Structures are given as structure tokens and as C-alpha cells.
Amino acid sequence: MFNKILIANRGEIAVRIIRACKEMGVSTVAVYSEADRDTLHTELADESICIGPPQAQDSYLNAERIVAAAMVTGATAIHPGYGFLSENSDFAELCEKSGIAFIGPKAQVMRDLSDKALNKAAMKEAGMPVIPGTMKLKDVDDALKKAEEIGYPVMLKASAGGGGRGIRVIRNEGELKESFATAGAESLAAFGDDSLYIEKYVFPARHIEVQVLADEYGNVLCLGERDCSVQRRHQKLIEESPSPGVTPEMRKDLMDLCKKAVLHTGYTGAGTLEFLLDKNGNFWFMEMNMRLQVEHGVTEMLTNLDLVKWQIRIAAGVPIDRKQSEISMRGSCIECRINALSVGSVKTLHVPGGPFVRFDTWLVQGVKVSPFYDSLLGKLIVYAGTREEAVRKMRAALCEMVIEGVETNIEEQLSLISEPEYTSGGYDLTFMEGR
């Protein structure tokens, strides 16, 4: 097992990883930008080191500075969290060359799968039903040609992306010409890579993802699906597991497919396979995220497995000791993302409590919310024996939560969770249209 882990991230995920390490008896190193000097993850870690100015390109996306920080502090492993460098194969390779374990898939496996188009090709070989799409596009003229071949509408997406950045729904040639440069620029700013690809737009549909854990010994666990269909501009707002749109029979078939695909690619660590579920009940593979998802806590509360600890164990060569038959999908778990709508200092913070209520956050009273990073303040997660009970529990928790000094989306989340279309379970990706 590792004796010291550097967390190459910030915010709630850095706090989450540090807490898991403390429970495992592993020392931690926090890295931070100048804007995050006094934030919670720097206080909780055993050591902390500044890696640059507020801009992500000069701090959290600077691979050389992060690896140097690990070497200076004697960290033997780096956990990338999600976003930033978490799916960057060059960063994983730099860690390996520096004698530092990367807590995630091997660099070569990541390189093989990091291109979303190549990822889909590999999954197709494994028997996955894959949405028609392209490889990396050369330029806007190449994009126009490929879009014409596939047929509008299409999705223009970032090859190295995630979290909804660099995605556009394109309905005609004019929109593609207008959006190509801005989507590439958005991807470059977020991921350091401006390459794009196109895939067919499946509509209407639900966004379904399957959480997996895989080790180097051929053990694979499929931990059920999450429904992530409540989105605004491809940014997820509410997630739940299990999905009200997936039957037990559909779930079994989907998890069998996912296990086969993971074994085919040689993937290790925690990963998520993302699908669109169309109106006819067909699953279409979109992409595989080779990292921890923001919404991993939903699966943790439902299955009673700590995904962060298992990421660390797998990277240290510890085999998975659970069997698929031991994974329970009983009950219902819902997550609401609590986002900032303004910047400022948190003057009052009250976190809801009670049985099976969890709030993953980096907030403390007095902390400053800066404009430099994403708007996520925390993730409110509840579990109950039935979906109806879970919805009621989430309403109660949202009503109790208080964050003053910064504008948030708490009231909007309370409104969304109370909508008949949501409470019935019949929602899909059109749910947020007009809202």
C-alpha cells in the first residue's frame, strides 16, 4: 500500500480523497493554486504545496509542477480526482516515468481509450451497440463532410472532454461552421486539447451510465446504473440510482455487456460507461470515462462500497475481493448538485443531517467562492428504501440546507425534484427544456 498520496485536484473531490486516505492510514499532500490557499483541502491534508496562480492552465493543469510537488514531498502515488488531468494519458505516463503510481488506468490503456472516437471503436469490437460517429476531425471542412455523411442533427464533442464541456447539438451546416471554433476553444481551455469529433444525435433519450471497478487480475464488478438525464446544457444537475427507466432484465443485460467490454479493453480502476437509452428501450454506447465520476457517491450509498478506497487498493495491486452476486441494488439513491450562481464569501452554512443524508463539499463558513473554477459547491445525496421515500427525503434535506453569502441553485433543485415529470420517473433529456 502507498505511504503517501498527492491529490492533484481541488474542491470537494480533494476533500473526499483526503478523508478516504485518512481512514486507510495513508498520508496526504494537497496541491493548491493561489486562489485556493485557504480552502478546506489544504487544511485537511498532512502537507500542502502551492503549484501556481489561479488559472488552471498554470496550476491544476500543469503536469510538471504536480509531479515535481510529489517528488519533493516524497509522495509515492498521485490521485487525479475528476476533471483537470484525470483522463490525460501524458500525465499518467509522466507519473509512471517518474516512479510515481497513477491512481487510475495504465497510461497506454488510457491513451488507447482517451480518444472518444477510438474508445467507441474498441467498444464496438467488444459487442457494444455504438452511436454512429467519427474519429478526430481535421478541421471544419472535415467536420462538414462527415456531418453530411452521418446526417443532421449531430453532436459536436470534445475528444478529450467530459463534464459537458465542448459539446454542441448541431442541426445544420451553418450551426456547425459557427460552433466548431468555439467548441474547440472550450475544450482546449478545460482539457488542454482542442480536438473534436462528431456523433449522431439520438433523441429523445435518457442518459444512463454504468459504474465499474476492474483490477489487474481480471476481476470486474458492475455496480449498477445511474440516471443522469436531468441536465442543462449538458451539465448534470440531478442523478439517481437505480434508474426508473431501466428494468431488472435490462440492467442484467447491460451489466453483462459492460463486463465483457471492460475485460476486452484491459481497463483497470474505477470507470464509467455512458449510454443513451432511446424510446424503444435500446442502449447506445457513447463513451467511457476513465476516472471517478462527480456522482460516484450515489453508487457508494446504494452499494455500500467506497469507490475511492477501491481505486487506491487497485492501483496498489490489491485484488477485488467482492463477487458480483454480493452487490445489492436495493433501495433508491438521489443526488442534487449544489452550484454557486455568484462569487463571494460564505457567511452562513447549515448542512442537513439525519439517517442516510450525505453532503460532499469543500465549503466552510467564511470560505471564498472564486470565479476561476467550476461552480460546484457540493453534492447532496440521500438514500431510502423506495424511490418515493428518497424523493421526499431529498425535498426535506433541500429545505433544511442553508448557504448564505453566495447565490446557489438550492431553490431550483427543490422545484425540479417536486415536478410531476420527475417524481413519476418518466423524465428524459428533454426535462430541462424551457426551464
Foldseek 3Di string as FASTA:
>chain_A
DWQEEEELDDWLQLVVLLVLCVVVNHAYEYEDAPQCPPFQSCVSHPYYYYQYHLACVRGSQPLVSSLVVCVVVVGQEYEHADFRCNLPLVSCVVCVVSNHFYLFWHSVLSVCAQQFVSVQVLLVVLVAAAFDKDGWAPDLVSVLVRCVVSDDFKWKADRRDDQLQLIDGRGDSVSSVVRLVVSLVRCCSRYVGSIIMMGYDAPDWWKKKWKWAFAQVLDIAILAIKTQQCDDSSHGFKIKPPAPVADPVNGVVVVVSVSSSCSSSSTHAMKMWMWIQHPVRDTHTRGMGGHDDPPVVNSCLQFVDDRSNSSVCRSVPHHDPDDNVSGDRFWMKMKGFKFFPFWFFWADWDFDDDPFWDKRARDDHGRTDDPNDGGTGIMIMGTDRYLLVNLVVLLVRLVRTDTPGTDICSVVVNVLSPDPCVSVSPDGNCSPVPD
